[in-house]
């Protein structure tokens, strides 16, 4: 009984870790250039699909869940997926790169070290 319980807990933990890693890697809004229009677009991945395929295949298969160009251009071939998969395309990383080396004009503290309350909240 204890061996079966251990195997069950280990399996559930493995499922959680693999699924959580895939979810964390693909979650968030990403900025891309639409291959069809050449204009900027904000996209998000289907996190559930990525997590499940990571569990089954060992690697997350990516597909879009939402795009700012939809519904007008909804039936697209999702050619921007490889571009969106790059980790530097997340909005958080783009803002962090922009903030690097900048200081607040009021308190002169680096913006990357700013608190989430007060006169600057980024």
PDB file of N, CA and C in Angstrom:
ATOM      1  N   UNK A   1       0.828  -1.206   0.000  1.00  0.00           N
ATOM      2  CA  UNK A   1       0.000   0.000   0.000  1.00  0.00           C
ATOM      3  C   UNK A   1       0.866   1.260   0.000  1.00  0.00           C
ATOM      4  N   UNK A   2       1.909   1.293   0.812  1.00  0.00           N
ATOM      5  CA  UNK A   2       2.741   2.493   0.875  1.00  0.00           C
ATOM      6  C   UNK A   2       3.527   2.703  -0.407  1.00  0.00           C
ATOM      7  N   UNK A   3       3.917   1.617  -1.081  1.00  0.00           N
ATOM      8  CA  UNK A   3       4.623   1.739  -2.359  1.00  0.00           C
ATOM      9  C   UNK A   3       3.684   2.318  -3.414  1.00  0.00           C
ATOM     10  N   UNK A   4       2.462   1.848  -3.430  1.00  0.00           N
ATOM     11  CA  UNK A   4       1.476   2.365  -4.383  1.00  0.00           C
ATOM     12  C   UNK A   4       1.200   3.845  -4.118  1.00  0.00           C
ATOM     13  N   UNK A   5       1.116   4.224  -2.861  1.00  0.00           N
ATOM     14  CA  UNK A   5       0.892   5.620  -2.502  1.00  0.00           C
ATOM     15  C   UNK A   5       2.091   6.472  -2.920  1.00  0.00           C
ATOM     16  N   UNK A   6       3.280   5.961  -2.702  1.00  0.00           N
ATOM     17  CA  UNK A   6       4.490   6.677  -3.103  1.00  0.00           C
ATOM     18  C   UNK A   6       4.531   6.871  -4.623  1.00  0.00           C
ATOM     19  N   UNK A   7       4.205   5.834  -5.371  1.00  0.00           N
ATOM     20  CA  UNK A   7       4.187   5.917  -6.839  1.00  0.00           C
ATOM     21  C   UNK A   7       3.142   6.930  -7.293  1.00  0.00           C
ATOM     22  N   UNK A   8       1.982   6.913  -6.665  1.00  0.00           N
ATOM     23  CA  UNK A   8       0.927   7.867  -7.009  1.00  0.00           C
ATOM     24  C   UNK A   8       1.371   9.299  -6.733  1.00  0.00           C
ATOM     25  N   UNK A   9       1.946   9.546  -5.575  1.00  0.00           N
ATOM     26  CA  UNK A   9       2.391  10.898  -5.220  1.00  0.00           C
ATOM     27  C   UNK A   9       3.513  11.343  -6.155  1.00  0.00           C
ATOM     28  N   UNK A  10       4.456  10.454  -6.451  1.00  0.00           N
ATOM     29  CA  UNK A  10       5.553  10.792  -7.360  1.00  0.00           C
ATOM     30  C   UNK A  10       5.027  11.116  -8.758  1.00  0.00           C
ATOM     31  N   UNK A  11       4.065  10.356  -9.222  1.00  0.00           N
ATOM     32  CA  UNK A  11       3.480  10.595 -10.543  1.00  0.00           C
ATOM     33  C   UNK A  11       2.748  11.934 -10.575  1.00  0.00           C
ATOM     34  N   UNK A  12       1.957  12.208  -9.558  1.00  0.00           N
ATOM     35  CA  UNK A  12       1.238  13.480  -9.510  1.00  0.00           C
ATOM     36  C   UNK A  12       2.204  14.662  -9.416  1.00  0.00           C
ATOM     37  N   UNK A  13       3.277  14.499  -8.669  1.00  0.00           N
ATOM     38  CA  UNK A  13       4.276  15.551  -8.556  1.00  0.00           C
ATOM     39  C   UNK A  13       4.960  15.781  -9.896  1.00  0.00           C
ATOM     40  N   UNK A  14       5.277  14.697 -10.603  1.00  0.00           N
ATOM     41  CA  UNK A  14       5.901  14.815 -11.919  1.00  0.00           C
ATOM     42  C   UNK A  14       4.966  15.541 -12.886  1.00  0.00           C
ATOM     43  N   UNK A  15       3.697  15.173 -12.883  1.00  0.00           N
ATOM     44  CA  UNK A  15       2.713  15.829 -13.749  1.00  0.00           C
ATOM     45  C   UNK A  15       2.624  17.316 -13.423  1.00  0.00           C
ATOM     46  N   UNK A  16       2.593  17.638 -12.144  1.00  0.00           N
ATOM     47  CA  UNK A  16       2.500  19.034 -11.723  1.00  0.00           C
ATOM     48  C   UNK A  16       3.723  19.827 -12.170  1.00  0.00           C
ATOM     49  N   UNK A  17       4.908  19.284 -11.959  1.00  0.00           N
ATOM     50  CA  UNK A  17       6.142  19.999 -12.300  1.00  0.00           C
ATOM     51  C   UNK A  17       6.247  20.223 -13.804  1.00  0.00           C
ATOM     52  N   UNK A  18       6.023  19.190 -14.598  1.00  0.00           N
ATOM     53  CA  UNK A  18       6.120  19.324 -16.055  1.00  0.00           C
ATOM     54  C   UNK A  18       5.074  20.311 -16.577  1.00  0.00           C
ATOM     55  N   UNK A  19       3.850  20.172 -16.120  1.00  0.00           N
ATOM     56  CA  UNK A  19       2.777  21.075 -16.552  1.00  0.00           C
ATOM     57  C   UNK A  19       3.017  22.502 -16.107  1.00  0.00           C
ATOM     58  N   UNK A  20       3.500  22.685 -14.887  1.00  0.00           N
ATOM     59  CA  UNK A  20       3.742  24.024 -14.361  1.00  0.00           C
ATOM     60  C   UNK A  20       4.885  24.701 -15.107  1.00  0.00           C
ATOM     61  N   UNK A  21       5.938  23.959 -15.422  1.00  0.00           N
ATOM     62  CA  UNK A  21       7.051  24.537 -16.186  1.00  0.00           C
ATOM     63  C   UNK A  21       6.584  25.012 -17.561  1.00  0.00           C
ATOM     64  N   UNK A  22       5.807  24.179 -18.222  1.00  0.00           N
ATOM     65  CA  UNK A  22       5.306  24.554 -19.549  1.00  0.00           C
ATOM     66  C   UNK A  22       4.407  25.780 -19.442  1.00  0.00           C
ATOM     67  N   UNK A  23       3.560  25.808 -18.437  1.00  0.00           N
ATOM     68  CA  UNK A  23       2.647  26.935 -18.254  1.00  0.00           C
ATOM     69  C   UNK A  23       3.410  28.221 -17.993  1.00  0.00           C
ATOM     70  N   UNK A  24       4.414  28.150 -17.119  1.00  0.00           N
ATOM     71  CA  UNK A  24       5.189  29.336 -16.777  1.00  0.00           C
ATOM     72  C   UNK A  24       5.980  29.855 -17.983  1.00  0.00           C
ATOM     73  N   UNK A  25       6.449  28.943 -18.824  1.00  0.00           N
ATOM     74  CA  UNK A  25       7.258  29.333 -19.975  1.00  0.00           C
ATOM     75  C   UNK A  25       6.430  30.044 -21.048  1.00  0.00           C
ATOM     76  N   UNK A  26       5.166  29.680 -21.195  1.00  0.00           N
ATOM     77  CA  UNK A  26       4.370  30.240 -22.290  1.00  0.00           C
ATOM     78  C   UNK A  26       3.308  31.239 -21.838  1.00  0.00           C
ATOM     79  N   UNK A  27       3.148  31.441 -20.548  1.00  0.00           N
ATOM     80  CA  UNK A  27       2.116  32.363 -20.067  1.00  0.00           C
ATOM     81  C   UNK A  27       2.521  33.810 -20.332  1.00  0.00           C
ATOM     82  N   UNK A  28       1.531  34.653 -20.473  1.00  0.00           N
ATOM     83  CA  UNK A  28       1.769  36.082 -20.632  1.00  0.00           C
ATOM     84  C   UNK A  28       1.531  36.582 -22.045  1.00  0.00           C
ATOM     85  N   UNK A  29       1.435  37.884 -22.146  1.00  0.00           N
ATOM     86  CA  UNK A  29       1.228  38.538 -23.434  1.00  0.00           C
ATOM     87  C   UNK A  29       2.585  38.750 -24.093  1.00  0.00           C
ATOM     88  N   UNK A  30       2.639  38.489 -25.388  1.00  0.00           N
ATOM     89  CA  UNK A  30       3.870  38.665 -26.163  1.00  0.00           C
ATOM     90  C   UNK A  30       3.593  39.583 -27.333  1.00  0.00           C
ATOM     91  N   UNK A  31       4.576  40.392 -27.655  1.00  0.00           N
ATOM     92  CA  UNK A  31       4.441  41.325 -28.775  1.00  0.00           C
ATOM     93  C   UNK A  31       5.213  40.782 -29.966  1.00  0.00           C
ATOM     94  N   UNK A  32       4.532  40.717 -31.105  1.00  0.00           N
ATOM     95  CA  UNK A  32       5.128  40.200 -32.333  1.00  0.00           C
ATOM     96  C   UNK A  32       4.771  41.117 -33.496  1.00  0.00           C
ATOM     97  N   UNK A  33       5.421  40.880 -34.611  1.00  0.00           N
ATOM     98  CA  UNK A  33       5.048  41.532 -35.852  1.00  0.00           C
ATOM     99  C   UNK A  33       4.273  40.512 -36.678  1.00  0.00           C
ATOM    100  N   UNK A  34       3.053  40.854 -37.027  1.00  0.00           N
ATOM    101  CA  UNK A  34       2.213  39.936 -37.794  1.00  0.00           C
ATOM    102  C   UNK A  34       2.847  39.689 -39.160  1.00  0.00           C
ATOM    103  N   UNK A  35       3.116  38.415 -39.518  1.00  0.00           N
ATOM    104  CA  UNK A  35       3.729  38.120 -40.807  1.00  0.00           C
ATOM    105  C   UNK A  35       2.858  38.518 -42.005  1.00  0.00           C
ATOM    106  N   UNK A  36       1.550  38.523 -41.836  1.00  0.00           N
ATOM    107  CA  UNK A  36       0.658  38.853 -42.958  1.00  0.00           C
ATOM    108  C   UNK A  36       0.544  40.353 -43.173  1.00  0.00           C
ATOM    109  N   UNK A  37       0.426  41.105 -42.087  1.00  0.00           N
ATOM    110  CA  UNK A  37       0.185  42.539 -42.217  1.00  0.00           C
ATOM    111  C   UNK A  37       1.432  43.386 -41.986  1.00  0.00           C
ATOM    112  N   UNK A  38       2.432  42.825 -41.303  1.00  0.00           N
ATOM    113  CA  UNK A  38       3.630  43.589 -40.974  1.00  0.00           C
ATOM    114  C   UNK A  38       3.410  44.579 -39.848  1.00  0.00           C
ATOM    115  N   UNK A  39       2.281  44.464 -39.157  1.00  0.00           N
ATOM    116  CA  UNK A  39       1.939  45.374 -38.063  1.00  0.00           C
ATOM    117  C   UNK A  39       2.094  44.670 -36.723  1.00  0.00           C
ATOM    118  N   UNK A  40       2.279  45.432 -35.649  1.00  0.00           N
ATOM    119  CA  UNK A  40       2.419  44.822 -34.328  1.00  0.00           C
ATOM    120  C   UNK A  40       1.140  44.113 -33.897  1.00  0.00           C
ATOM    121  N   UNK A  41       1.327  43.058 -33.130  1.00  0.00           N
ATOM    122  CA  UNK A  41       0.189  42.319 -32.583  1.00  0.00           C
ATOM    123  C   UNK A  41       0.573  41.793 -31.204  1.00  0.00           C
ATOM    124  N   UNK A  42      -0.400  41.737 -30.323  1.00  0.00           N
ATOM    125  CA  UNK A  42      -0.214  41.153 -28.993  1.00  0.00           C
ATOM    126  C   UNK A  42      -0.878  39.780 -29.003  1.00  0.00           C
ATOM    127  N   UNK A  43      -0.110  38.752 -28.660  1.00  0.00           N
ATOM    128  CA  UNK A  43      -0.624  37.387 -28.713  1.00  0.00           C
ATOM    129  C   UNK A  43      -0.437  36.692 -27.369  1.00  0.00           C
ATOM    130  N   UNK A  44      -1.283  35.706 -27.111  1.00  0.00           N
ATOM    131  CA  UNK A  44      -1.121  34.824 -25.955  1.00  0.00           C
ATOM    132  C   UNK A  44      -1.228  33.389 -26.442  1.00  0.00           C
ATOM    133  N   UNK A  45      -0.497  32.503 -25.763  1.00  0.00           N
ATOM    134  CA  UNK A  45      -0.525  31.093 -26.116  1.00  0.00           C
ATOM    135  C   UNK A  45      -1.643  30.371 -25.380  1.00  0.00           C
ATOM    136  N   UNK A  46      -2.074  29.257 -25.945  1.00  0.00           N
ATOM    137  CA  UNK A  46      -3.021  28.357 -25.299  1.00  0.00           C
ATOM    138  C   UNK A  46      -2.244  27.581 -24.241  1.00  0.00           C
ATOM    139  N   UNK A  47      -2.332  28.021 -22.994  1.00  0.00           N
ATOM    140  CA  UNK A  47      -1.526  27.482 -21.896  1.00  0.00           C
ATOM    141  C   UNK A  47      -1.924  26.042 -21.572  1.00  0.00           C
ATOM    142  N   UNK A  48      -3.196  25.733 -21.597  1.00  0.00           N
ATOM    143  CA  UNK A  48      -3.659  24.379 -21.290  1.00  0.00           C
ATOM    144  C   UNK A  48      -3.128  23.397 -22.334  1.00  0.00           C
ATOM    145  N   UNK A  49      -3.225  23.766 -23.589  1.00  0.00           N
ATOM    146  CA  UNK A  49      -2.723  22.906 -24.666  1.00  0.00           C
ATOM    147  C   UNK A  49      -1.215  22.686 -24.522  1.00  0.00           C
ATOM    148  N   UNK A  50      -0.476  23.745 -24.228  1.00  0.00           N
ATOM    149  CA  UNK A  50       0.974  23.628 -24.059  1.00  0.00           C
ATOM    150  C   UNK A  50       1.325  22.720 -22.888  1.00  0.00           C
ATOM    151  N   UNK A  51       0.603  22.843 -21.776  1.00  0.00           N
ATOM    152  CA  UNK A  51       0.863  22.008 -20.606  1.00  0.00           C
ATOM    153  C   UNK A  51       0.561  20.546 -20.880  1.00  0.00           C
ATOM    154  N   UNK A  52      -0.567  20.276 -21.512  1.00  0.00           N
ATOM    155  CA  UNK A  52      -0.944  18.890 -21.793  1.00  0.00           C
ATOM    156  C   UNK A  52      -0.006  18.231 -22.799  1.00  0.00           C
ATOM    157  N   UNK A  53       0.387  18.958 -23.833  1.00  0.00           N
ATOM    158  CA  UNK A  53       1.304  18.366 -24.805  1.00  0.00           C
ATOM    159  C   UNK A  53       2.693  18.176 -24.207  1.00  0.00           C
ATOM    160  N   UNK A  54       3.072  19.016 -23.264  1.00  0.00           N
ATOM    161  CA  UNK A  54       4.353  18.822 -22.575  1.00  0.00           C
ATOM    162  C   UNK A  54       4.326  17.538 -21.757  1.00  0.00           C
ATOM    163  N   UNK A  55       3.178  17.241 -21.160  1.00  0.00           N
ATOM    164  CA  UNK A  55       3.046  16.003 -20.375  1.00  0.00           C
ATOM    165  C   UNK A  55       3.064  14.772 -21.271  1.00  0.00           C
ATOM    166  N   UNK A  56       2.385  14.844 -22.407  1.00  0.00           N
ATOM    167  CA  UNK A  56       2.250  13.688 -23.287  1.00  0.00           C
ATOM    168  C   UNK A  56       3.499  13.486 -24.149  1.00  0.00           C
ATOM    169  N   UNK A  57       3.968  14.555 -24.782  1.00  0.00           N
ATOM    170  CA  UNK A  57       5.056  14.452 -25.749  1.00  0.00           C
ATOM    171  C   UNK A  57       6.430  14.809 -25.185  1.00  0.00           C
ATOM    172  N   UNK A  58       6.467  15.411 -24.002  1.00  0.00           N
ATOM    173  CA  UNK A  58       7.733  15.834 -23.440  1.00  0.00           C
ATOM    174  C   UNK A  58       8.148  17.225 -23.876  1.00  0.00           C
ATOM    175  N   UNK A  59       7.436  17.787 -24.840  1.00  0.00           N
ATOM    176  CA  UNK A  59       7.715  19.139 -25.312  1.00  0.00           C
ATOM    177  C   UNK A  59       6.389  19.839 -25.583  1.00  0.00           C
ATOM    178  N   UNK A  60       6.302  21.090 -25.146  1.00  0.00           N
ATOM    179  CA  UNK A  60       5.062  21.847 -25.323  1.00  0.00           C
ATOM    180  C   UNK A  60       4.881  22.227 -26.790  1.00  0.00           C
ATOM    181  N   UNK A  61       3.727  21.911 -27.321  1.00  0.00           N
ATOM    182  CA  UNK A  61       3.372  22.351 -28.674  1.00  0.00           C
ATOM    183  C   UNK A  61       2.583  23.649 -28.527  1.00  0.00           C
ATOM    184  N   UNK A  62       3.021  24.661 -29.224  1.00  0.00           N
ATOM    185  CA  UNK A  62       2.454  25.984 -29.046  1.00  0.00           C
ATOM    186  C   UNK A  62       1.435  26.308 -30.121  1.00  0.00           C
ATOM    187  N   UNK A  63       0.344  26.930 -29.679  1.00  0.00           N
ATOM    188  CA  UNK A  63      -0.645  27.494 -30.580  1.00  0.00           C
ATOM    189  C   UNK A  63      -1.235  28.716 -29.886  1.00  0.00           C
ATOM    190  N   UNK A  64      -1.745  29.635 -30.677  1.00  0.00           N
ATOM    191  CA  UNK A  64      -2.259  30.873 -30.114  1.00  0.00           C
ATOM    192  C   UNK A  64      -3.650  30.679 -29.526  1.00  0.00           C
ATOM    193  N   UNK A  65      -3.875  31.329 -28.403  1.00  0.00           N
ATOM    194  CA  UNK A  65      -5.207  31.362 -27.807  1.00  0.00           C
ATOM    195  C   UNK A  65      -5.904  32.665 -28.161  1.00  0.00           C
ATOM    196  N   UNK A  66      -5.100  33.728 -28.328  1.00  0.00           N
ATOM    197  CA  UNK A  66      -5.683  35.033 -28.614  1.00  0.00           C
ATOM    198  C   UNK A  66      -4.662  35.897 -29.339  1.00  0.00           C
ATOM    199  N   UNK A  67      -5.169  36.788 -30.155  1.00  0.00           N
ATOM    200  CA  UNK A  67      -4.329  37.727 -30.905  1.00  0.00           C
ATOM    201  C   UNK A  67      -5.098  39.035 -31.033  1.00  0.00           C
ATOM    202  N   UNK A  68      -4.392  40.137 -30.918  1.00  0.00           N
ATOM    203  CA  UNK A  68      -5.063  41.438 -31.027  1.00  0.00           C
ATOM    204  C   UNK A  68      -5.560  41.712 -32.452  1.00  0.00           C
ATOM    205  N   UNK A  69      -5.108  40.950 -33.442  1.00  0.00           N
ATOM    206  CA  UNK A  69      -5.566  41.110 -34.826  1.00  0.00           C
ATOM    207  C   UNK A  69      -6.863  40.338 -35.078  1.00  0.00           C
ATOM    208  N   UNK A  70      -7.249  39.472 -34.141  1.00  0.00           N
ATOM    209  CA  UNK A  70      -8.498  38.725 -34.278  1.00  0.00           C
ATOM    210  C   UNK A  70      -9.622  39.617 -33.796  1.00  0.00           C
ATOM    211  N   UNK A  71     -10.838  39.493 -34.180  1.00  0.00           N
ATOM    212  CA  UNK A  71     -11.448  38.497 -35.035  1.00  0.00           C
ATOM    213  C   UNK A  71     -11.343  38.816 -36.518  1.00  0.00           C
ATOM    214  N   UNK A  72     -10.831  39.981 -36.875  1.00  0.00           N
ATOM    215  CA  UNK A  72     -10.759  40.350 -38.293  1.00  0.00           C
ATOM    216  C   UNK A  72      -9.911  39.355 -39.074  1.00  0.00           C
ATOM    217  N   UNK A  73      -8.797  38.923 -38.511  1.00  0.00           N
ATOM    218  CA  UNK A  73      -7.888  38.004 -39.198  1.00  0.00           C
ATOM    219  C   UNK A  73      -7.813  36.653 -38.512  1.00  0.00           C
ATOM    220  N   UNK A  74      -8.909  36.202 -37.927  1.00  0.00           N
ATOM    221  CA  UNK A  74      -8.952  34.960 -37.138  1.00  0.00           C
ATOM    222  C   UNK A  74      -8.464  33.727 -37.886  1.00  0.00           C
ATOM    223  N   UNK A  75      -8.918  33.448 -39.072  1.00  0.00           N
ATOM    224  CA  UNK A  75      -8.431  32.214 -39.697  1.00  0.00           C
ATOM    225  C   UNK A  75      -7.016  32.405 -40.254  1.00  0.00           C
ATOM    226  N   UNK A  76      -6.025  32.546 -39.352  1.00  0.00           N
ATOM    227  CA  UNK A  76      -4.650  32.727 -39.810  1.00  0.00           C
ATOM    228  C   UNK A  76      -3.866  31.431 -39.596  1.00  0.00           C
ATOM    229  N   UNK A  77      -2.702  31.344 -40.231  1.00  0.00           N
ATOM    230  CA  UNK A  77      -1.891  30.135 -40.128  1.00  0.00           C
ATOM    231  C   UNK A  77      -0.958  30.147 -38.914  1.00  0.00           C
ATOM    232  N   UNK A  78      -1.038  31.180 -38.095  1.00  0.00           N
ATOM    233  CA  UNK A  78      -0.257  31.335 -36.874  1.00  0.00           C
ATOM    234  C   UNK A  78       1.245  31.253 -37.154  1.00  0.00           C
ATOM    235  N   UNK A  79       1.660  31.905 -38.206  1.00  0.00           N
ATOM    236  CA  UNK A  79       3.071  31.920 -38.587  1.00  0.00           C
ATOM    237  C   UNK A  79       3.938  32.704 -37.601  1.00  0.00           C
ATOM    238  N   UNK A  80       3.322  33.458 -36.715  1.00  0.00           N
ATOM    239  CA  UNK A  80       4.073  34.246 -35.740  1.00  0.00           C
ATOM    240  C   UNK A  80       4.459  33.445 -34.498  1.00  0.00           C
ATOM    241  N   UNK A  81       4.022  32.192 -34.392  1.00  0.00           N
ATOM    242  CA  UNK A  81       4.291  31.386 -33.198  1.00  0.00           C
ATOM    243  C   UNK A  81       5.792  31.269 -32.898  1.00  0.00           C
ATOM    244  N   UNK A  82       6.661  30.966 -33.874  1.00  0.00           N
ATOM    245  CA  UNK A  82       8.092  30.900 -33.538  1.00  0.00           C
ATOM    246  C   UNK A  82       8.639  32.237 -33.029  1.00  0.00           C
ATOM    247  N   UNK A  83       8.186  33.328 -33.606  1.00  0.00           N
ATOM    248  CA  UNK A  83       8.607  34.653 -33.152  1.00  0.00           C
ATOM    249  C   UNK A  83       8.126  34.913 -31.727  1.00  0.00           C
ATOM    250  N   UNK A  84       6.888  34.525 -31.441  1.00  0.00           N
ATOM    251  CA  UNK A  84       6.319  34.749 -30.111  1.00  0.00           C
ATOM    252  C   UNK A  84       6.950  33.848 -29.064  1.00  0.00           C
ATOM    253  N   UNK A  85       7.488  32.704 -29.479  1.00  0.00           N
ATOM    254  CA  UNK A  85       8.087  31.761 -28.530  1.00  0.00           C
ATOM    255  C   UNK A  85       9.385  32.280 -27.936  1.00  0.00           C
ATOM    256  N   UNK A  86      10.008  33.253 -28.570  1.00  0.00           N
ATOM    257  CA  UNK A  86      11.249  33.816 -28.033  1.00  0.00           C
ATOM    258  C   UNK A  86      10.964  34.483 -26.699  1.00  0.00           C
ATOM    259  N   UNK A  87      11.803  34.210 -25.709  1.00  0.00           N
ATOM    260  CA  UNK A  87      11.536  34.701 -24.354  1.00  0.00           C
ATOM    261  C   UNK A  87      11.640  36.213 -24.236  1.00  0.00           C
ATOM    262  N   UNK A  88      12.333  36.882 -25.147  1.00  0.00           N
ATOM    263  CA  UNK A  88      12.470  38.329 -25.048  1.00  0.00           C
ATOM    264  C   UNK A  88      11.268  39.073 -25.603  1.00  0.00           C
ATOM    265  N   UNK A  89      10.252  38.366 -26.064  1.00  0.00           N
ATOM    266  CA  UNK A  89       9.071  38.998 -26.644  1.00  0.00           C
ATOM    267  C   UNK A  89       7.956  39.242 -25.629  1.00  0.00           C
ATOM    268  N   UNK A  90       8.124  38.794 -24.387  1.00  0.00           N
ATOM    269  CA  UNK A  90       7.076  39.031 -23.390  1.00  0.00           C
ATOM    270  C   UNK A  90       7.057  40.511 -23.019  1.00  0.00           C
ATOM    271  N   UNK A  91       5.898  41.003 -22.706  1.00  0.00           N
ATOM    272  CA  UNK A  91       5.751  42.406 -22.344  1.00  0.00           C
ATOM    273  C   UNK A  91       6.593  42.725 -21.118  1.00  0.00           C
ATOM    274  N   UNK A  92       6.639  41.813 -20.158  1.00  0.00           N
ATOM    275  CA  UNK A  92       7.426  42.026 -18.944  1.00  0.00           C
ATOM    276  C   UNK A  92       8.904  42.216 -19.274  1.00  0.00           C
ATOM    277  N   UNK A  93       9.446  41.377 -20.152  1.00  0.00           N
ATOM    278  CA  UNK A  93      10.857  41.501 -20.520  1.00  0.00           C
ATOM    279  C   UNK A  93      11.129  42.765 -21.326  1.00  0.00           C
ATOM    280  N   UNK A  94      10.214  43.143 -22.192  1.00  0.00           N
ATOM    281  CA  UNK A  94      10.391  44.370 -22.973  1.00  0.00           C
ATOM    282  C   UNK A  94      10.411  45.591 -22.056  1.00  0.00           C
ATOM    283  N   UNK A  95       9.509  45.635 -21.091  1.00  0.00           N
ATOM    284  CA  UNK A  95       9.475  46.748 -20.135  1.00  0.00           C
ATOM    285  C   UNK A  95      10.740  46.743 -19.278  1.00  0.00           C
ATOM    286  N   UNK A  96      11.184  45.567 -18.828  1.00  0.00           N
ATOM    287  CA  UNK A  96      12.397  45.481 -18.011  1.00  0.00           C
ATOM    288  C   UNK A  96      13.619  45.966 -18.777  1.00  0.00           C
ATOM    289  N   UNK A  97      13.714  45.638 -20.066  1.00  0.00           N
ATOM    290  CA  UNK A  97      14.831  46.115 -20.890  1.00  0.00           C
ATOM    291  C   UNK A  97      14.767  47.629 -21.054  1.00  0.00           C
ATOM    292  N   UNK A  98      13.581  48.146 -21.199  1.00  0.00           N
ATOM    293  CA  UNK A  98      13.422  49.589 -21.356  1.00  0.00           C
ATOM    294  C   UNK A  98      13.783  50.319 -20.068  1.00  0.00           C
ATOM    295  N   UNK A  99      13.437  49.733 -18.923  1.00  0.00           N
ATOM    296  CA  UNK A  99      13.705  50.370 -17.634  1.00  0.00           C
ATOM    297  C   UNK A  99      15.172  50.296 -17.218  1.00  0.00           C
ATOM    298  N   UNK A 100      15.929  49.380 -17.796  1.00  0.00           N
ATOM    299  CA  UNK A 100      17.317  49.177 -17.376  1.00  0.00           C
ATOM    300  C   UNK A 100      18.115  50.477 -17.504  1.00  0.00           C
ATOM    301  N   UNK A 101      18.706  50.880 -16.401  1.00  0.00           N
ATOM    302  CA  UNK A 101      19.549  52.073 -16.394  1.00  0.00           C
ATOM    303  C   UNK A 101      18.804  53.390 -16.260  1.00  0.00           C
ATOM    304  N   UNK A 102      17.491  53.359 -16.226  1.00  0.00           N
ATOM    305  CA  UNK A 102      16.714  54.595 -16.105  1.00  0.00           C
ATOM    306  C   UNK A 102      16.424  54.881 -14.634  1.00  0.00           C
ATOM    307  N   UNK A 103      16.304  56.159 -14.314  1.00  0.00           N
ATOM    308  CA  UNK A 103      16.035  56.584 -12.942  1.00  0.00           C
ATOM    309  C   UNK A 103      14.761  57.416 -12.893  1.00  0.00           C
ATOM    310  N   UNK A 104      14.117  57.380 -11.761  1.00  0.00           N
ATOM    311  CA  UNK A 104      12.907  58.170 -11.539  1.00  0.00           C
ATOM    312  C   UNK A 104      13.276  59.654 -11.508  1.00  0.00           C
ATOM    313  N   UNK A 105      12.489  60.486 -12.189  1.00  0.00           N
ATOM    314  CA  UNK A 105      12.783  61.919 -12.225  1.00  0.00           C
ATOM    315  C   UNK A 105      12.465  62.604 -10.896  1.00  0.00           C
ATOM    316  N   UNK A 106      11.683  61.979 -10.036  1.00  0.00           N
ATOM    317  CA  UNK A 106      11.328  62.590  -8.760  1.00  0.00           C
ATOM    318  C   UNK A 106      12.276  62.193  -7.634  1.00  0.00           C
ATOM    319  N   UNK A 107      12.589  60.886  -7.515  1.00  0.00           N
ATOM    320  CA  UNK A 107      13.398  60.437  -6.381  1.00  0.00           C
ATOM    321  C   UNK A 107      14.789  59.952  -6.796  1.00  0.00           C
ATOM    322  N   UNK A 108      15.056  59.862  -8.070  1.00  0.00           N
ATOM    323  CA  UNK A 108      16.349  59.448  -8.635  1.00  0.00           C
ATOM    324  C   UNK A 108      16.707  57.995  -8.336  1.00  0.00           C
ATOM    325  N   UNK A 109      15.762  57.207  -7.846  1.00  0.00           N
ATOM    326  CA  UNK A 109      16.033  55.784  -7.636  1.00  0.00           C
ATOM    327  C   UNK A 109      15.906  55.051  -8.956  1.00  0.00           C
ATOM    328  N   UNK A 110      16.673  53.979  -9.139  1.00  0.00           N
ATOM    329  CA  UNK A 110      16.529  53.200 -10.374  1.00  0.00           C
ATOM    330  C   UNK A 110      15.111  52.660 -10.500  1.00  0.00           C
ATOM    331  N   UNK A 111      14.538  52.754 -11.690  1.00  0.00           N
ATOM    332  CA  UNK A 111      13.154  52.323 -11.883  1.00  0.00           C
ATOM    333  C   UNK A 111      12.998  50.822 -11.718  1.00  0.00           C
ATOM    334  N   UNK A 112      14.008  50.046 -12.019  1.00  0.00           N
ATOM    335  CA  UNK A 112      13.920  48.602 -11.842  1.00  0.00           C
ATOM    336  C   UNK A 112      13.803  48.195 -10.391  1.00  0.00           C
ATOM    337  N   UNK A 113      14.227  49.066  -9.482  1.00  0.00           N
ATOM    338  CA  UNK A 113      14.164  48.772  -8.055  1.00  0.00           C
ATOM    339  C   UNK A 113      13.010  49.495  -7.366  1.00  0.00           C
ATOM    340  N   UNK A 114      12.122  50.058  -8.138  1.00  0.00           N
ATOM    341  CA  UNK A 114      11.031  50.846  -7.581  1.00  0.00           C
ATOM    342  C   UNK A 114      10.029  49.955  -6.846  1.00  0.00           C
ATOM    343  N   UNK A 115       9.443  50.481  -5.787  1.00  0.00           N
ATOM    344  CA  UNK A 115       8.387  49.718  -5.120  1.00  0.00           C
ATOM    345  C   UNK A 115       7.122  49.715  -5.974  1.00  0.00           C
ATOM    346  N   UNK A 116       6.200  48.823  -5.652  1.00  0.00           N
ATOM    347  CA  UNK A 116       4.966  48.738  -6.418  1.00  0.00           C
ATOM    348  C   UNK A 116       3.912  49.712  -5.897  1.00  0.00           C
ATOM    349  N   UNK A 117       4.277  50.533  -4.958  1.00  0.00           N
ATOM    350  CA  UNK A 117       3.396  51.595  -4.478  1.00  0.00           C
ATOM    351  C   UNK A 117       4.188  52.896  -4.499  1.00  0.00           C
ATOM    352  N   UNK A 118       3.505  53.981  -4.515  1.00  0.00           N
ATOM    353  CA  UNK A 118       4.193  55.256  -4.525  1.00  0.00           C
ATOM    354  C   UNK A 118       4.034  55.952  -5.852  1.00  0.00           C
ATOM    355  N   UNK A 119       4.947  56.855  -6.138  1.00  0.00           N
ATOM    356  CA  UNK A 119       4.810  57.683  -7.333  1.00  0.00           C
ATOM    357  C   UNK A 119       5.217  56.963  -8.609  1.00  0.00           C
ATOM    358  N   UNK A 120       5.969  55.901  -8.539  1.00  0.00           N
ATOM    359  CA  UNK A 120       6.218  55.093  -9.725  1.00  0.00           C
ATOM    360  C   UNK A 120       5.987  53.635  -9.346  1.00  0.00           C
ATOM    361  N   UNK A 121       5.233  52.954 -10.166  1.00  0.00           N
ATOM    362  CA  UNK A 121       4.757  51.610  -9.816  1.00  0.00           C
ATOM    363  C   UNK A 121       5.132  50.565 -10.833  1.00  0.00           C
ATOM    364  N   UNK A 122       6.103  50.830 -11.678  1.00  0.00           N
ATOM    365  CA  UNK A 122       6.514  49.845 -12.673  1.00  0.00           C
ATOM    366  C   UNK A 122       7.675  49.052 -12.115  1.00  0.00           C
TER     367      UNK A 122
END
